[in-house]
N, C-alpha and C. Protein backbone atom coordinates (compact mmCIF):
# COMPACT_ATOMS: atom_id res chain seq x y z
N MET A 1 67.14 83.59 9.46
CA MET A 1 67.08 83.70 10.69
C MET A 1 65.69 84.04 11.27
N LEU A 2 64.92 84.64 10.65
CA LEU A 2 63.56 84.88 10.96
C LEU A 2 62.61 83.70 10.80
N THR A 3 62.97 82.98 9.88
CA THR A 3 62.28 81.60 9.55
C THR A 3 62.44 80.70 10.64
N LYS A 4 63.65 80.56 11.19
CA LYS A 4 64.01 79.67 12.10
C LYS A 4 63.33 80.10 13.57
N THR A 5 63.21 81.41 13.69
CA THR A 5 62.61 81.83 14.92
C THR A 5 61.19 81.69 14.96
N LEU A 6 60.44 81.89 13.79
CA LEU A 6 59.00 81.79 13.63
C LEU A 6 58.74 80.19 13.69
N ASP A 7 59.64 79.39 13.16
CA ASP A 7 59.48 77.91 13.34
C ASP A 7 59.31 77.55 14.86
N LEU A 8 60.27 78.10 15.51
CA LEU A 8 60.31 77.75 16.99
C LEU A 8 59.14 78.25 17.69
N VAL A 9 58.70 79.47 17.43
CA VAL A 9 57.51 80.09 18.08
C VAL A 9 56.20 79.15 17.75
N ILE A 10 56.03 78.91 16.38
CA ILE A 10 54.98 78.05 15.98
C ILE A 10 55.06 76.59 16.72
N GLY A 11 56.16 75.98 16.82
CA GLY A 11 56.27 74.70 17.47
C GLY A 11 56.00 74.66 18.80
N GLY A 12 56.46 75.89 19.49
CA GLY A 12 55.99 76.08 20.88
C GLY A 12 54.57 76.19 21.20
N ILE A 13 53.86 77.04 20.16
CA ILE A 13 52.49 77.13 20.31
C ILE A 13 51.60 75.85 20.10
N LYS A 14 52.15 75.09 19.12
CA LYS A 14 51.61 73.84 18.80
C LYS A 14 51.65 72.84 19.94
N ALA A 15 53.00 72.87 20.59
CA ALA A 15 53.09 71.94 21.61
C ALA A 15 52.16 72.17 22.90
N ARG A 16 51.97 73.43 23.11
CA ARG A 16 50.99 74.00 24.38
C ARG A 16 49.70 73.49 23.94
N LEU A 17 49.22 73.83 22.66
CA LEU A 17 48.03 73.46 22.27
C LEU A 17 47.64 72.12 22.50
N LEU A 18 48.54 71.13 22.00
CA LEU A 18 48.35 69.80 22.08
C LEU A 18 48.28 69.31 23.45
N LYS A 19 49.06 70.01 24.37
CA LYS A 19 49.08 69.54 25.92
C LYS A 19 47.72 69.97 26.39
N TYR A 20 47.29 71.07 26.17
CA TYR A 20 45.88 71.37 26.81
C TYR A 20 44.78 70.66 26.15
N MET A 21 44.88 70.37 24.84
CA MET A 21 43.87 69.58 24.32
C MET A 21 43.76 68.13 24.84
N GLY A 22 45.06 67.64 25.08
CA GLY A 22 45.17 66.29 25.80
C GLY A 22 44.63 66.31 27.31
N LEU A 23 44.95 67.43 27.94
CA LEU A 23 44.28 67.55 29.15
C LEU A 23 42.90 67.75 29.29
N ALA A 24 42.40 68.47 28.28
CA ALA A 24 40.89 68.49 28.29
C ALA A 24 40.05 67.24 27.72
N GLY A 25 40.88 66.34 27.23
CA GLY A 25 40.24 65.05 26.75
C GLY A 25 39.77 65.28 25.40
N LEU A 26 40.23 66.23 24.53
CA LEU A 26 39.68 66.56 23.28
C LEU A 26 40.63 65.76 22.19
N LEU A 27 41.77 65.22 22.72
CA LEU A 27 42.77 64.74 21.81
C LEU A 27 43.60 63.54 22.58
N PHE A 28 43.67 62.51 22.05
CA PHE A 28 44.67 61.44 22.69
C PHE A 28 45.91 61.75 22.21
N ASN A 29 46.72 62.23 22.97
CA ASN A 29 48.09 62.71 22.74
C ASN A 29 49.16 61.65 22.84
N ALA A 30 49.29 60.55 21.92
CA ALA A 30 50.07 59.61 22.03
C ALA A 30 50.29 58.87 20.82
N ASN A 31 51.43 58.19 20.53
CA ASN A 31 51.56 57.52 19.32
C ASN A 31 51.93 56.02 19.71
N MET A 32 51.45 54.99 18.92
CA MET A 32 51.73 53.76 19.23
C MET A 32 53.17 53.26 18.76
N ILE A 33 53.84 52.63 19.73
CA ILE A 33 55.29 52.17 19.41
C ILE A 33 55.19 50.55 18.87
N THR A 34 54.32 49.93 19.82
CA THR A 34 54.13 48.52 19.64
C THR A 34 52.68 48.23 19.86
N ASN A 35 52.10 47.24 19.91
CA ASN A 35 50.87 46.95 20.20
C ASN A 35 50.49 47.28 21.73
N ASN A 36 51.41 47.18 22.58
CA ASN A 36 51.16 47.39 24.01
C ASN A 36 52.00 48.52 24.60
N ILE A 37 52.72 49.29 23.77
CA ILE A 37 53.61 50.47 24.31
C ILE A 37 53.32 51.66 23.36
N TRP A 38 53.00 52.63 24.09
CA TRP A 38 52.59 53.94 23.67
C TRP A 38 53.46 54.93 24.18
N VAL A 39 53.65 56.05 23.47
CA VAL A 39 54.65 57.17 23.87
C VAL A 39 53.66 58.33 23.76
N GLY A 40 53.69 59.40 24.64
CA GLY A 40 52.90 60.57 24.21
C GLY A 40 53.10 61.71 25.25
N GLY A 41 52.28 62.74 25.05
CA GLY A 41 52.34 63.77 25.89
C GLY A 41 51.28 63.62 27.03
N LEU A 42 51.13 64.69 27.76
CA LEU A 42 50.21 64.71 28.87
C LEU A 42 48.74 64.33 28.36
N ASN A 43 48.08 63.57 28.92
CA ASN A 43 46.65 63.10 28.66
C ASN A 43 45.96 63.27 29.98
N SER A 44 44.61 63.50 29.89
CA SER A 44 43.77 63.69 31.07
C SER A 44 43.56 62.24 31.62
N PRO A 45 43.58 62.12 33.00
CA PRO A 45 43.36 60.80 33.73
C PRO A 45 42.03 60.13 33.09
N ARG A 46 41.13 60.94 32.76
CA ARG A 46 39.76 60.29 32.09
C ARG A 46 40.09 59.59 30.84
N THR A 47 40.96 60.12 29.99
CA THR A 47 41.30 59.59 28.59
C THR A 47 42.22 58.29 28.86
N ILE A 48 43.07 58.32 29.82
CA ILE A 48 43.83 57.13 30.18
C ILE A 48 43.13 56.06 30.57
N ILE A 49 42.11 56.43 31.43
CA ILE A 49 41.32 55.33 31.97
C ILE A 49 40.47 54.74 31.03
N SER A 50 39.80 55.54 30.05
CA SER A 50 38.95 55.06 29.00
C SER A 50 39.61 54.44 27.98
N GLU A 51 40.76 54.60 27.63
CA GLU A 51 41.56 53.91 26.65
C GLU A 51 42.09 52.44 27.22
N GLY A 52 41.90 52.29 28.48
CA GLY A 52 42.45 51.00 29.06
C GLY A 52 43.69 50.74 29.58
N PHE A 53 44.50 51.91 29.66
CA PHE A 53 45.82 51.56 29.96
C PHE A 53 45.87 51.11 31.35
N ASP A 54 46.81 50.34 31.78
CA ASP A 54 47.21 49.82 33.18
C ASP A 54 48.45 50.37 33.80
N THR A 55 49.25 50.93 32.99
CA THR A 55 50.68 51.60 33.54
C THR A 55 50.76 52.92 32.80
N VAL A 56 51.11 53.93 33.70
CA VAL A 56 51.70 55.26 33.15
C VAL A 56 52.98 55.40 33.64
N ILE A 57 53.99 55.67 32.74
CA ILE A 57 55.27 56.05 33.18
C ILE A 57 55.38 57.58 32.86
N ASP A 58 55.42 58.50 33.99
CA ASP A 58 55.38 59.97 33.69
C ASP A 58 56.87 60.56 33.69
N LEU A 59 57.31 61.31 32.72
CA LEU A 59 58.71 61.62 32.66
C LEU A 59 58.73 63.16 32.98
N ARG A 60 57.76 63.77 33.49
CA ARG A 60 57.65 65.21 33.69
C ARG A 60 58.44 65.30 35.06
N GLU A 61 59.00 66.40 35.13
CA GLU A 61 59.82 66.98 36.35
C GLU A 61 59.11 67.34 37.52
N GLU A 62 57.79 67.93 37.14
CA GLU A 62 56.92 68.54 38.11
C GLU A 62 56.09 67.37 38.98
N ASP A 63 55.75 67.81 40.06
CA ASP A 63 55.25 66.84 41.01
C ASP A 63 53.69 66.78 40.48
N ALA A 64 53.31 65.55 40.53
CA ALA A 64 51.90 65.23 39.91
C ALA A 64 51.03 64.28 40.78
N GLN A 65 51.09 64.64 42.18
CA GLN A 65 50.47 63.70 43.10
C GLN A 65 49.03 63.52 42.83
N LYS A 66 48.25 64.62 42.45
CA LYS A 66 46.86 64.52 42.17
C LYS A 66 46.48 63.67 40.96
N TYR A 67 47.38 63.80 40.11
CA TYR A 67 47.27 62.93 38.83
C TYR A 67 47.43 61.56 39.16
N ARG A 68 48.63 61.44 39.83
CA ARG A 68 48.87 59.85 40.32
C ARG A 68 47.66 59.23 41.25
N ALA A 69 47.24 60.00 42.12
CA ALA A 69 46.20 59.67 42.86
C ALA A 69 44.97 59.17 42.20
N ILE A 70 44.69 59.91 41.15
CA ILE A 70 43.39 59.51 40.36
C ILE A 70 43.57 58.31 39.57
N LEU A 71 44.81 58.17 38.83
CA LEU A 71 45.12 57.02 38.16
C LEU A 71 45.23 55.82 39.18
N GLU A 72 45.80 55.92 40.36
CA GLU A 72 45.95 54.78 41.19
C GLU A 72 44.54 54.36 41.63
N LYS A 73 43.73 55.46 41.98
CA LYS A 73 42.37 55.04 42.37
C LYS A 73 41.67 54.12 41.44
N HIS A 74 42.12 54.12 40.10
CA HIS A 74 41.24 53.40 39.17
C HIS A 74 42.22 52.23 38.82
N GLY A 75 43.11 51.69 39.59
CA GLY A 75 43.84 50.55 39.37
C GLY A 75 45.06 50.73 38.42
N ILE A 76 45.50 51.85 38.12
CA ILE A 76 46.43 52.08 37.02
C ILE A 76 47.81 52.24 37.68
N GLU A 77 48.85 51.61 37.58
CA GLU A 77 50.18 51.78 38.04
C GLU A 77 50.73 53.19 37.46
N TYR A 78 51.33 53.89 38.43
CA TYR A 78 51.84 55.07 38.08
C TYR A 78 53.44 55.18 38.51
N PHE A 79 54.19 55.53 37.56
CA PHE A 79 55.63 55.61 37.84
C PHE A 79 56.04 57.15 37.42
N ASN A 80 56.93 57.74 38.23
CA ASN A 80 57.42 59.12 37.68
C ASN A 80 58.89 58.99 37.75
N ILE A 81 59.49 59.25 36.62
CA ILE A 81 60.90 59.41 36.50
C ILE A 81 61.07 61.00 36.03
N LYS A 82 61.46 61.69 37.00
CA LYS A 82 61.69 63.11 36.74
C LYS A 82 62.90 63.32 35.73
N ILE A 83 62.56 63.83 34.61
CA ILE A 83 63.57 64.25 33.72
C ILE A 83 63.31 65.71 33.31
N PRO A 84 64.40 66.50 33.53
CA PRO A 84 64.30 67.96 33.17
C PRO A 84 64.09 68.10 31.57
N ASP A 85 63.01 69.00 31.22
CA ASP A 85 62.65 69.24 29.91
C ASP A 85 63.68 70.21 29.20
N GLY A 86 64.62 70.65 29.76
CA GLY A 86 65.52 71.45 29.08
C GLY A 86 65.01 72.77 28.48
N MET A 87 63.85 73.13 29.10
CA MET A 87 63.17 74.55 28.70
C MET A 87 63.52 75.69 29.89
N GLY A 88 64.28 75.27 30.83
CA GLY A 88 64.50 76.22 31.86
C GLY A 88 66.14 76.41 32.03
């Protein structure tokens, strides 16, 4: 039981760390599915722009108007499909 709890805590810490590293532009938080389809966590707009993406599909439930505005200002299409993360 303790091992499972510890695994959950470590997994949660790792997920938060990856999220913030992605936002800071220290890490590209995504995995390639095909040559033109990637899936990943939250990345900074700077990273998305520099990697040459032309479309972002954001599945976060939260409102991300500033994020959207920055991407669209740089010609990147932005779609938001709000999916609850199951953590609340």
